[in-house]
PDB file of all heavy atoms in Angstrom:
ATOM      1  N   GLU A   1     104.684 137.841 116.862  1.00  0.00           N
ATOM      2  CA  GLU A   1     104.673 137.064 115.620  1.00  0.00           C
ATOM      3  C   GLU A   1     105.980 136.301 115.450  1.00  0.00           C
ATOM      4  O   GLU A   1     105.979 135.099 115.159  1.00  0.00           O
ATOM      5  CB  GLU A   1     104.433 137.960 114.409  1.00  0.00           C
ATOM      6  CG  GLU A   1     104.381 137.159 113.120  1.00  0.00           C
ATOM      7  CD  GLU A   1     104.194 137.985 111.871  1.00  0.00           C
ATOM      8  OE1 GLU A   1     103.820 139.182 111.961  1.00  0.00           O
ATOM      9  OE2 GLU A   1     104.429 137.432 110.778  1.00  0.00           O
ATOM     10  N   LEU A   2     107.097 136.981 115.642  1.00  0.00           N
ATOM     11  CA  LEU A   2     108.400 136.328 115.500  1.00  0.00           C
ATOM     12  C   LEU A   2     108.549 135.185 116.501  1.00  0.00           C
ATOM     13  O   LEU A   2     109.032 134.104 116.163  1.00  0.00           O
ATOM     14  CB  LEU A   2     109.530 137.345 115.664  1.00  0.00           C
ATOM     15  CG  LEU A   2     110.947 136.823 115.470  1.00  0.00           C
ATOM     16  CD1 LEU A   2     111.124 136.181 114.090  1.00  0.00           C
ATOM     17  CD2 LEU A   2     111.952 137.953 115.676  1.00  0.00           C
ATOM     18  N   THR A   3     108.100 135.406 117.719  1.00  0.00           N
ATOM     19  CA  THR A   3     108.153 134.357 118.743  1.00  0.00           C
ATOM     20  C   THR A   3     107.414 133.115 118.273  1.00  0.00           C
ATOM     21  O   THR A   3     107.936 131.994 118.331  1.00  0.00           O
ATOM     22  CB  THR A   3     107.548 134.862 120.072  1.00  0.00           C
ATOM     23  OG1 THR A   3     108.307 135.975 120.531  1.00  0.00           O
ATOM     24  CG2 THR A   3     107.538 133.769 121.123  1.00  0.00           C
ATOM     25  N   HIS A   4     106.206 133.301 117.769  1.00  0.00           N
ATOM     26  CA  HIS A   4     105.398 132.141 117.362  1.00  0.00           C
ATOM     27  C   HIS A   4     105.956 131.467 116.104  1.00  0.00           C
ATOM     28  O   HIS A   4     105.876 130.246 115.979  1.00  0.00           O
ATOM     29  CB  HIS A   4     103.936 132.535 117.224  1.00  0.00           C
ATOM     30  CG  HIS A   4     103.299 132.741 118.563  1.00  0.00           C
ATOM     31  ND1 HIS A   4     102.933 131.695 119.372  1.00  0.00           N
ATOM     32  CD2 HIS A   4     103.022 133.875 119.260  1.00  0.00           C
ATOM     33  CE1 HIS A   4     102.438 132.164 120.496  1.00  0.00           C
ATOM     34  NE2 HIS A   4     102.493 133.492 120.456  1.00  0.00           N
ATOM     35  N   TRP A   5     106.544 132.247 115.200  1.00  0.00           N
ATOM     36  CA  TRP A   5     107.207 131.611 114.044  1.00  0.00           C
ATOM     37  C   TRP A   5     108.374 130.746 114.516  1.00  0.00           C
ATOM     38  O   TRP A   5     108.572 129.635 114.031  1.00  0.00           O
ATOM     39  CB  TRP A   5     107.723 132.664 113.059  1.00  0.00           C
ATOM     40  CG  TRP A   5     106.705 133.177 112.081  1.00  0.00           C
ATOM     41  CD1 TRP A   5     106.230 134.457 111.985  1.00  0.00           C
ATOM     42  CD2 TRP A   5     106.042 132.447 111.049  1.00  0.00           C
ATOM     43  NE1 TRP A   5     105.317 134.554 110.977  1.00  0.00           N
ATOM     44  CE2 TRP A   5     105.182 133.340 110.373  1.00  0.00           C
ATOM     45  CE3 TRP A   5     106.086 131.111 110.624  1.00  0.00           C
ATOM     46  CZ2 TRP A   5     104.379 132.952 109.302  1.00  0.00           C
ATOM     47  CZ3 TRP A   5     105.284 130.721 109.569  1.00  0.00           C
ATOM     48  CH2 TRP A   5     104.448 131.628 108.913  1.00  0.00           C
ATOM     49  N   LEU A   6     109.159 131.267 115.460  1.00  0.00           N
ATOM     50  CA  LEU A   6     110.343 130.536 115.929  1.00  0.00           C
ATOM     51  C   LEU A   6     110.001 129.340 116.811  1.00  0.00           C
ATOM     52  O   LEU A   6     110.854 128.467 117.028  1.00  0.00           O
ATOM     53  CB  LEU A   6     111.291 131.480 116.665  1.00  0.00           C
ATOM     54  CG  LEU A   6     111.967 132.533 115.784  1.00  0.00           C
ATOM     55  CD1 LEU A   6     112.826 133.467 116.621  1.00  0.00           C
ATOM     56  CD2 LEU A   6     112.775 131.893 114.669  1.00  0.00           C
ATOM     57  N   LEU A   7     108.780 129.274 117.320  1.00  0.00           N
ATOM     58  CA  LEU A   7     108.364 128.123 118.118  1.00  0.00           C
ATOM     59  C   LEU A   7     107.964 126.923 117.260  1.00  0.00           C
ATOM     60  O   LEU A   7     107.797 125.822 117.779  1.00  0.00           O
ATOM     61  CB  LEU A   7     107.200 128.512 119.040  1.00  0.00           C
ATOM     62  CG  LEU A   7     107.604 129.328 120.259  1.00  0.00           C
ATOM     63  CD1 LEU A   7     106.380 129.908 120.953  1.00  0.00           C
ATOM     64  CD2 LEU A   7     108.421 128.477 121.220  1.00  0.00           C
ATOM     65  N   ILE A   8     107.848 127.101 115.968  1.00  0.00           N
ATOM     66  CA  ILE A   8     107.443 125.994 115.082  1.00  0.00           C
ATOM     67  C   ILE A   8     108.603 125.043 114.761  1.00  0.00           C
ATOM     68  O   ILE A   8     108.449 123.823 114.909  1.00  0.00           O
ATOM     69  CB  ILE A   8     106.763 126.538 113.805  1.00  0.00           C
ATOM     70  CG1 ILE A   8     105.437 127.223 114.193  1.00  0.00           C
ATOM     71  CG2 ILE A   8     106.531 125.423 112.786  1.00  0.00           C
ATOM     72  CD1 ILE A   8     104.756 127.968 113.062  1.00  0.00           C
ATOM     73  N   PRO A   9     109.770 125.512 114.323  1.00  0.00           N
ATOM     74  CA  PRO A   9     110.850 124.582 113.941  1.00  0.00           C
ATOM     75  C   PRO A   9     111.296 123.571 115.004  1.00  0.00           C
ATOM     76  O   PRO A   9     111.632 122.432 114.649  1.00  0.00           O
ATOM     77  CB  PRO A   9     112.006 125.518 113.552  1.00  0.00           C
ATOM     78  CG  PRO A   9     111.345 126.783 113.132  1.00  0.00           C
ATOM     79  CD  PRO A   9     110.136 126.902 114.027  1.00  0.00           C
ATOM     80  N   PRO A  10     111.292 123.914 116.306  1.00  0.00           N
ATOM     81  CA  PRO A  10     111.723 122.897 117.282  1.00  0.00           C
ATOM     82  C   PRO A  10     110.897 121.606 117.249  1.00  0.00           C
ATOM     83  O   PRO A  10     111.370 120.568 117.718  1.00  0.00           O
ATOM     84  CB  PRO A  10     111.579 123.604 118.635  1.00  0.00           C
ATOM     85  CG  PRO A  10     111.741 125.049 118.317  1.00  0.00           C
ATOM     86  CD  PRO A  10     111.092 125.219 116.969  1.00  0.00           C
ATOM     87  N   ALA A  11     109.711 121.647 116.688  1.00  0.00           N
ATOM     88  CA  ALA A  11     108.878 120.434 116.625  1.00  0.00           C
ATOM     89  C   ALA A  11     109.600 119.294 115.913  1.00  0.00           C
ATOM     90  O   ALA A  11     109.403 118.125 116.250  1.00  0.00           O
ATOM     91  CB  ALA A  11     107.554 120.737 115.928  1.00  0.00           C
ATOM     92  N   PHE A  12     110.448 119.631 114.972  1.00  0.00           N
ATOM     93  CA  PHE A  12     111.149 118.584 114.215  1.00  0.00           C
ATOM     94  C   PHE A  12     112.195 117.866 115.062  1.00  0.00           C
ATOM     95  O   PHE A  12     112.552 116.732 114.770  1.00  0.00           O
ATOM     96  CB  PHE A  12     111.755 119.177 112.942  1.00  0.00           C
ATOM     97  CG  PHE A  12     110.691 119.652 111.987  1.00  0.00           C
ATOM     98  CD1 PHE A  12     110.298 120.987 111.964  1.00  0.00           C
ATOM     99  CD2 PHE A  12     110.043 118.760 111.158  1.00  0.00           C
ATOM    100  CE1 PHE A  12     109.294 121.421 111.103  1.00  0.00           C
ATOM    101  CE2 PHE A  12     109.036 119.177 110.289  1.00  0.00           C
ATOM    102  CZ  PHE A  12     108.664 120.510 110.273  1.00  0.00           C
ATOM    103  N   LEU A  13     112.666 118.509 116.134  1.00  0.00           N
ATOM    104  CA  LEU A  13     113.625 117.858 117.034  1.00  0.00           C
ATOM    105  C   LEU A  13     112.984 116.696 117.809  1.00  0.00           C
ATOM    106  O   LEU A  13     113.681 115.794 118.254  1.00  0.00           O
ATOM    107  CB  LEU A  13     114.199 118.872 118.025  1.00  0.00           C
ATOM    108  CG  LEU A  13     115.018 120.018 117.416  1.00  0.00           C
ATOM    109  CD1 LEU A  13     115.386 121.023 118.490  1.00  0.00           C
ATOM    110  CD2 LEU A  13     116.255 119.473 116.725  1.00  0.00           C
ATOM    111  N   PHE A  14     111.682 116.727 117.929  1.00  0.00           N
ATOM    112  CA  PHE A  14     110.991 115.695 118.709  1.00  0.00           C
ATOM    113  C   PHE A  14     111.053 114.324 118.037  1.00  0.00           C
ATOM    114  O   PHE A  14     110.803 113.308 118.683  1.00  0.00           O
ATOM    115  CB  PHE A  14     109.545 116.123 118.981  1.00  0.00           C
ATOM    116  CG  PHE A  14     109.447 117.201 120.023  1.00  0.00           C
ATOM    117  CD1 PHE A  14     109.803 118.516 119.726  1.00  0.00           C
ATOM    118  CD2 PHE A  14     109.036 116.908 121.309  1.00  0.00           C
ATOM    119  CE1 PHE A  14     109.739 119.509 120.679  1.00  0.00           C
ATOM    120  CE2 PHE A  14     108.968 117.898 122.281  1.00  0.00           C
ATOM    121  CZ  PHE A  14     109.328 119.205 121.957  1.00  0.00           C
ATOM    122  N   PHE A  15     111.409 114.295 116.760  1.00  0.00           N
ATOM    123  CA  PHE A  15     111.577 113.012 116.072  1.00  0.00           C
ATOM    124  C   PHE A  15     112.793 112.252 116.609  1.00  0.00           C
ATOM    125  O   PHE A  15     112.905 111.055 116.405  1.00  0.00           O
ATOM    126  CB  PHE A  15     111.713 113.211 114.555  1.00  0.00           C
ATOM    127  CG  PHE A  15     110.405 113.530 113.885  1.00  0.00           C
ATOM    128  CD1 PHE A  15     110.081 114.829 113.562  1.00  0.00           C
ATOM    129  CD2 PHE A  15     109.503 112.520 113.592  1.00  0.00           C
ATOM    130  CE1 PHE A  15     108.877 115.133 112.937  1.00  0.00           C
ATOM    131  CE2 PHE A  15     108.292 112.802 112.969  1.00  0.00           C
ATOM    132  CZ  PHE A  15     107.984 114.112 112.650  1.00  0.00           C
ATOM    133  N   ILE A  16     113.693 112.963 117.301  1.00  0.00           N
ATOM    134  CA  ILE A  16     114.893 112.320 117.837  1.00  0.00           C
ATOM    135  C   ILE A  16     114.522 111.270 118.886  1.00  0.00           C
ATOM    136  O   ILE A  16     115.098 110.189 118.909  1.00  0.00           O
ATOM    137  CB  ILE A  16     115.863 113.371 118.427  1.00  0.00           C
ATOM    138  CG1 ILE A  16     116.394 114.275 117.307  1.00  0.00           C
ATOM    139  CG2 ILE A  16     117.002 112.716 119.203  1.00  0.00           C
ATOM    140  CD1 ILE A  16     117.182 115.486 117.803  1.00  0.00           C
ATOM    141  N   TRP A  17     113.579 111.570 119.752  1.00  0.00           N
ATOM    142  CA  TRP A  17     113.246 110.642 120.834  1.00  0.00           C
ATOM    143  C   TRP A  17     111.799 110.136 120.802  1.00  0.00           C
ATOM    144  O   TRP A  17     111.413 109.328 121.631  1.00  0.00           O
ATOM    145  CB  TRP A  17     113.554 111.254 122.200  1.00  0.00           C
ATOM    146  CG  TRP A  17     112.752 112.471 122.529  1.00  0.00           C
ATOM    147  CD1 TRP A  17     111.511 112.514 123.090  1.00  0.00           C
ATOM    148  CD2 TRP A  17     113.126 113.832 122.315  1.00  0.00           C
ATOM    149  NE1 TRP A  17     111.080 113.803 123.236  1.00  0.00           N
ATOM    150  CE2 TRP A  17     112.070 114.643 122.778  1.00  0.00           C
ATOM    151  CE3 TRP A  17     114.258 114.459 121.785  1.00  0.00           C
ATOM    152  CZ2 TRP A  17     112.103 116.036 122.709  1.00  0.00           C
ATOM    153  CZ3 TRP A  17     114.284 115.835 121.731  1.00  0.00           C
ATOM    154  CH2 TRP A  17     113.225 116.604 122.185  1.00  0.00           C
ATOM    155  N   ASN A  18     111.021 110.610 119.837  1.00  0.00           N
ATOM    156  CA  ASN A  18     109.631 110.160 119.715  1.00  0.00           C
ATOM    157  C   ASN A  18     109.486 109.204 118.540  1.00  0.00           C
ATOM    158  O   ASN A  18     110.204 109.336 117.537  1.00  0.00           O
ATOM    159  CB  ASN A  18     108.702 111.352 119.455  1.00  0.00           C
ATOM    160  CG  ASN A  18     108.335 112.091 120.712  1.00  0.00           C
ATOM    161  OD1 ASN A  18     107.431 111.674 121.421  1.00  0.00           O
ATOM    162  ND2 ASN A  18     109.035 113.186 120.990  1.00  0.00           N
ATOM    163  N   PRO A  19     108.535 108.280 118.620  1.00  0.00           N
ATOM    164  CA  PRO A  19     108.217 107.497 117.426  1.00  0.00           C
ATOM    165  C   PRO A  19     107.666 108.437 116.348  1.00  0.00           C
ATOM    166  O   PRO A  19     107.218 109.547 116.668  1.00  0.00           O
ATOM    167  CB  PRO A  19     107.145 106.506 117.903  1.00  0.00           C
ATOM    168  CG  PRO A  19     106.833 106.837 119.308  1.00  0.00           C
ATOM    169  CD  PRO A  19     107.741 107.924 119.773  1.00  0.00           C
ATOM    170  N   ILE A  20     107.687 108.008 115.113  1.00  0.00           N
ATOM    171  CA  ILE A  20     107.246 108.847 113.988  1.00  0.00           C
ATOM    172  C   ILE A  20     105.852 109.424 114.248  1.00  0.00           C
ATOM    173  O   ILE A  20     105.632 110.617 114.053  1.00  0.00           O
ATOM    174  CB  ILE A  20     107.243 108.044 112.657  1.00  0.00           C
ATOM    175  CG1 ILE A  20     108.643 107.541 112.324  1.00  0.00           C
ATOM    176  CG2 ILE A  20     106.661 108.873 111.525  1.00  0.00           C
ATOM    177  CD1 ILE A  20     109.576 108.552 111.744  1.00  0.00           C
ATOM    178  N   TRP A  21     104.905 108.584 114.678  1.00  0.00           N
ATOM    179  CA  TRP A  21     103.535 109.059 114.885  1.00  0.00           C
ATOM    180  C   TRP A  21     103.491 110.175 115.936  1.00  0.00           C
ATOM    181  O   TRP A  21     102.747 111.132 115.786  1.00  0.00           O
ATOM    182  CB  TRP A  21     102.586 107.907 115.263  1.00  0.00           C
ATOM    183  CG  TRP A  21     102.923 107.221 116.564  1.00  0.00           C
ATOM    184  CD1 TRP A  21     103.710 106.121 116.747  1.00  0.00           C
ATOM    185  CD2 TRP A  21     102.487 107.618 117.869  1.00  0.00           C
ATOM    186  NE1 TRP A  21     103.803 105.802 118.073  1.00  0.00           N
ATOM    187  CE2 TRP A  21     103.049 106.701 118.795  1.00  0.00           C
ATOM    188  CE3 TRP A  21     101.687 108.637 118.364  1.00  0.00           C
ATOM    189  CZ2 TRP A  21     102.841 106.786 120.166  1.00  0.00           C
ATOM    190  CZ3 TRP A  21     101.471 108.718 119.736  1.00  0.00           C
ATOM    191  CH2 TRP A  21     102.043 107.802 120.613  1.00  0.00           C
ATOM    192  N   ALA A  22     104.303 110.079 116.977  1.00  0.00           N
ATOM    193  CA  ALA A  22     104.329 111.104 118.016  1.00  0.00           C
ATOM    194  C   ALA A  22     105.022 112.374 117.503  1.00  0.00           C
ATOM    195  O   ALA A  22     104.614 113.491 117.847  1.00  0.00           O
ATOM    196  CB  ALA A  22     105.013 110.586 119.270  1.00  0.00           C
ATOM    197  N   GLY A  23     106.059 112.208 116.683  1.00  0.00           N
ATOM    198  CA  GLY A  23     106.711 113.367 116.066  1.00  0.00           C
ATOM    199  C   GLY A  23     105.735 114.140 115.197  1.00  0.00           C
ATOM    200  O   GLY A  23     105.725 115.378 115.200  1.00  0.00           O
ATOM    201  N   LEU A  24     104.897 113.415 114.476  1.00  0.00           N
ATOM    202  CA  LEU A  24     103.873 114.069 113.649  1.00  0.00           C
ATOM    203  C   LEU A  24     102.859 114.807 114.525  1.00  0.00           C
ATOM    204  O   LEU A  24     102.416 115.911 114.174  1.00  0.00           O
ATOM    205  CB  LEU A  24     103.179 113.046 112.750  1.00  0.00           C
ATOM    206  CG  LEU A  24     104.079 112.435 111.668  1.00  0.00           C
ATOM    207  CD1 LEU A  24     103.357 111.290 110.961  1.00  0.00           C
ATOM    208  CD2 LEU A  24     104.545 113.489 110.680  1.00  0.00           C
ATOM    209  N   ILE A  25     102.519 114.217 115.653  1.00  0.00           N
ATOM    210  CA  ILE A  25     101.610 114.885 116.589  1.00  0.00           C
ATOM    211  C   ILE A  25     102.244 116.180 117.098  1.00  0.00           C
ATOM    212  O   ILE A  25     101.558 117.198 117.259  1.00  0.00           O
ATOM    213  CB  ILE A  25     101.223 113.945 117.758  1.00  0.00           C
ATOM    214  CG1 ILE A  25     100.278 112.862 117.240  1.00  0.00           C
ATOM    215  CG2 ILE A  25     100.592 114.724 118.910  1.00  0.00           C
ATOM    216  CD1 ILE A  25      99.962 111.765 118.238  1.00  0.00           C
ATOM    217  N   MET A  26     103.561 116.167 117.321  1.00  0.00           N
ATOM    218  CA  MET A  26     104.254 117.375 117.783  1.00  0.00           C
ATOM    219  C   MET A  26     104.184 118.475 116.724  1.00  0.00           C
ATOM    220  O   MET A  26     104.043 119.662 117.057  1.00  0.00           O
ATOM    221  CB  MET A  26     105.714 117.077 118.136  1.00  0.00           C
ATOM    222  CG  MET A  26     105.891 116.176 119.328  1.00  0.00           C
ATOM    223  SD  MET A  26     105.152 116.875 120.803  1.00  0.00           S
ATOM    224  CE  MET A  26     104.538 115.389 121.566  1.00  0.00           C
ATOM    225  N   ILE A  27     104.278 118.104 115.465  1.00  0.00           N
ATOM    226  CA  ILE A  27     104.160 119.096 114.388  1.00  0.00           C
ATOM    227  C   ILE A  27     102.747 119.666 114.355  1.00  0.00           C
ATOM    228  O   ILE A  27     102.561 120.888 114.256  1.00  0.00           O
ATOM    229  CB  ILE A  27     104.580 118.490 113.032  1.00  0.00           C
ATOM    230  CG1 ILE A  27     106.088 118.236 113.045  1.00  0.00           C
ATOM    231  CG2 ILE A  27     104.183 119.417 111.879  1.00  0.00           C
ATOM    232  CD1 ILE A  27     106.613 117.502 111.845  1.00  0.00           C
ATOM    233  N   VAL A  28     101.746 118.794 114.447  1.00  0.00           N
ATOM    234  CA  VAL A  28     100.356 119.266 114.474  1.00  0.00           C
ATOM    235  C   VAL A  28     100.142 120.175 115.687  1.00  0.00           C
ATOM    236  O   VAL A  28      99.549 121.254 115.573  1.00  0.00           O
ATOM    237  CB  VAL A  28      99.361 118.075 114.476  1.00  0.00           C
ATOM    238  CG1 VAL A  28      97.943 118.546 114.745  1.00  0.00           C
ATOM    239  CG2 VAL A  28      99.445 117.312 113.160  1.00  0.00           C
ATOM    240  N   TYR A  29     100.654 119.750 116.838  1.00  0.00           N
ATOM    241  CA  TYR A  29     100.533 120.567 118.057  1.00  0.00           C
ATOM    242  C   TYR A  29     101.120 121.959 117.844  1.00  0.00           C
ATOM    243  O   TYR A  29     100.487 122.976 118.153  1.00  0.00           O
ATOM    244  CB  TYR A  29     101.227 119.898 119.254  1.00  0.00           C
ATOM    245  CG  TYR A  29     101.583 120.897 120.326  1.00  0.00           C
ATOM    246  CD1 TYR A  29     100.602 121.423 121.157  1.00  0.00           C
ATOM    247  CD2 TYR A  29     102.886 121.379 120.460  1.00  0.00           C
ATOM    248  CE1 TYR A  29     100.909 122.392 122.108  1.00  0.00           C
ATOM    249  CE2 TYR A  29     103.202 122.332 121.411  1.00  0.00           C
ATOM    250  CZ  TYR A  29     102.212 122.841 122.230  1.00  0.00           C
ATOM    251  OH  TYR A  29     102.521 123.798 123.155  1.00  0.00           O
ATOM    252  N   THR A  30     102.351 122.027 117.339  1.00  0.00           N
ATOM    253  CA  THR A  30     103.002 123.337 117.216  1.00  0.00           C
ATOM    254  C   THR A  30     102.278 124.235 116.222  1.00  0.00           C
ATOM    255  O   THR A  30     102.220 125.452 116.405  1.00  0.00           O
ATOM    256  CB  THR A  30     104.506 123.196 116.895  1.00  0.00           C
ATOM    257  OG1 THR A  30     105.143 124.443 117.179  1.00  0.00           O
ATOM    258  CG2 THR A  30     104.777 122.825 115.459  1.00  0.00           C
ATOM    259  N   LEU A  31     101.698 123.643 115.192  1.00  0.00           N
ATOM    260  CA  LEU A  31     100.925 124.458 114.239  1.00  0.00           C
ATOM    261  C   LEU A  31      99.647 124.978 114.889  1.00  0.00           C
ATOM    262  O   LEU A  31      99.320 126.156 114.771  1.00  0.00           O
ATOM    263  CB  LEU A  31     100.624 123.658 112.975  1.00  0.00           C
ATOM    264  CG  LEU A  31     101.852 123.316 112.120  1.00  0.00           C
ATOM    265  CD1 LEU A  31     101.463 122.398 110.965  1.00  0.00           C
ATOM    266  CD2 LEU A  31     102.545 124.569 111.617  1.00  0.00           C
ATOM    267  N   ILE A  32      98.952 124.108 115.599  1.00  0.00           N
ATOM    268  CA  ILE A  32      97.717 124.525 116.280  1.00  0.00           C
ATOM    269  C   ILE A  32      98.022 125.560 117.364  1.00  0.00           C
ATOM    270  O   ILE A  32      97.247 126.496 117.578  1.00  0.00           O
ATOM    271  CB  ILE A  32      96.984 123.301 116.874  1.00  0.00           C
ATOM    272  CG1 ILE A  32      96.407 122.450 115.746  1.00  0.00           C
ATOM    273  CG2 ILE A  32      95.896 123.722 117.859  1.00  0.00           C
ATOM    274  CD1 ILE A  32      95.868 121.099 116.192  1.00  0.00           C
ATOM    275  N   ALA A  33      99.149 125.406 118.040  1.00  0.00           N
ATOM    276  CA  ALA A  33      99.499 126.289 119.148  1.00  0.00           C
ATOM    277  C   ALA A  33     100.093 127.621 118.700  1.00  0.00           C
ATOM    278  O   ALA A  33     100.139 128.560 119.502  1.00  0.00           O
ATOM    279  CB  ALA A  33     100.486 125.583 120.083  1.00  0.00           C
ATOM    280  N   ASN A  34     100.546 127.736 117.450  1.00  0.00           N
ATOM    281  CA  ASN A  34     101.228 128.963 117.036  1.00  0.00           C
ATOM    282  C   ASN A  34     100.586 129.701 115.870  1.00  0.00           C
ATOM    283  O   ASN A  34     100.597 130.934 115.855  1.00  0.00           O
ATOM    284  CB  ASN A  34     102.695 128.649 116.705  1.00  0.00           C
ATOM    285  CG  ASN A  34     103.471 128.307 117.947  1.00  0.00           C
ATOM    286  OD1 ASN A  34     103.690 129.151 118.803  1.00  0.00           O
ATOM    287  ND2 ASN A  34     103.850 127.052 118.075  1.00  0.00           N
ATOM    288  N   VAL A  35     100.034 128.997 114.917  1.00  0.00           N
ATOM    289  CA  VAL A  35      99.473 129.668 113.734  1.00  0.00           C
ATOM    290  C   VAL A  35      98.347 130.643 114.094  1.00  0.00           C
ATOM    291  O   VAL A  35      98.319 131.759 113.556  1.00  0.00           O
ATOM    292  CB  VAL A  35      99.057 128.637 112.656  1.00  0.00           C
ATOM    293  CG1 VAL A  35      98.262 129.302 111.541  1.00  0.00           C
ATOM    294  CG2 VAL A  35     100.304 127.949 112.090  1.00  0.00           C
ATOM    295  N   PRO A  36      97.428 130.311 115.007  1.00  0.00           N
ATOM    296  CA  PRO A  36      96.393 131.306 115.347  1.00  0.00           C
ATOM    297  C   PRO A  36      96.978 132.616 115.895  1.00  0.00           C
ATOM    298  O   PRO A  36      96.465 133.703 115.594  1.00  0.00           O
ATOM    299  CB  PRO A  36      95.546 130.599 116.407  1.00  0.00           C
ATOM    300  CG  PRO A  36      95.745 129.146 116.131  1.00  0.00           C
ATOM    301  CD  PRO A  36      97.175 129.025 115.667  1.00  0.00           C
ATOM    302  N   PHE A  37      98.060 132.531 116.657  1.00  0.00           N
ATOM    303  CA  PHE A  37      98.698 133.737 117.190  1.00  0.00           C
ATOM    304  C   PHE A  37      99.359 134.543 116.075  1.00  0.00           C
ATOM    305  O   PHE A  37      99.308 135.775 116.076  1.00  0.00           O
ATOM    306  CB  PHE A  37      99.733 133.367 118.261  1.00  0.00           C
ATOM    307  CG  PHE A  37      99.109 132.829 119.513  1.00  0.00           C
ATOM    308  CD1 PHE A  37      98.917 131.470 119.678  1.00  0.00           C
ATOM    309  CD2 PHE A  37      98.704 133.691 120.518  1.00  0.00           C
ATOM    310  CE1 PHE A  37      98.340 130.973 120.834  1.00  0.00           C
ATOM    311  CE2 PHE A  37      98.128 133.206 121.686  1.00  0.00           C
ATOM    312  CZ  PHE A  37      97.938 131.838 121.839  1.00  0.00           C
ATOM    313  N   ILE A  38      99.973 133.853 115.133  1.00  0.00           N
ATOM    314  CA  ILE A  38     100.589 134.532 113.989  1.00  0.00           C
ATOM    315  C   ILE A  38      99.504 135.252 113.193  1.00  0.00           C
ATOM    316  O   ILE A  38      99.656 136.414 112.809  1.00  0.00           O
ATOM    317  CB  ILE A  38     101.364 133.526 113.105  1.00  0.00           C
ATOM    318  CG1 ILE A  38     102.575 132.980 113.876  1.00  0.00           C
ATOM    319  CG2 ILE A  38     101.785 134.167 111.783  1.00  0.00           C
ATOM    320  CD1 ILE A  38     103.240 131.770 113.231  1.00  0.00           C
ATOM    321  N   MET A  39      98.398 134.558 112.957  1.00  0.00           N
ATOM    322  CA  MET A  39      97.287 135.162 112.224  1.00  0.00           C
ATOM    323  C   MET A  39      96.762 136.399 112.949  1.00  0.00           C
ATOM    324  O   MET A  39      96.480 137.427 112.311  1.00  0.00           O
ATOM    325  CB  MET A  39      96.166 134.132 112.035  1.00  0.00           C
ATOM    326  CG  MET A  39      96.517 133.035 111.069  1.00  0.00           C
ATOM    327  SD  MET A  39      95.390 131.605 111.096  1.00  0.00           S
ATOM    328  CE  MET A  39      93.793 132.351 110.989  1.00  0.00           C
ATOM    329  N   ALA A  40      96.632 136.318 114.264  1.00  0.00           N
ATOM    330  CA  ALA A  40      96.126 137.458 115.041  1.00  0.00           C
ATOM    331  C   ALA A  40      97.053 138.667 114.907  1.00  0.00           C
ATOM    332  O   ALA A  40      96.580 139.799 114.743  1.00  0.00           O
ATOM    333  CB  ALA A  40      95.961 137.074 116.510  1.00  0.00           C
TER     334      ALA A  40
END
């Protein structure tokens, strides 16, 4: 659980080199990739 919680914040770093739309996709990706594991 802690691992998956800590994997979410790095998504915001992707705004440094990604366009806004891609940064938003990274946030959606990290939520889809981690929230189900946290729930489990």
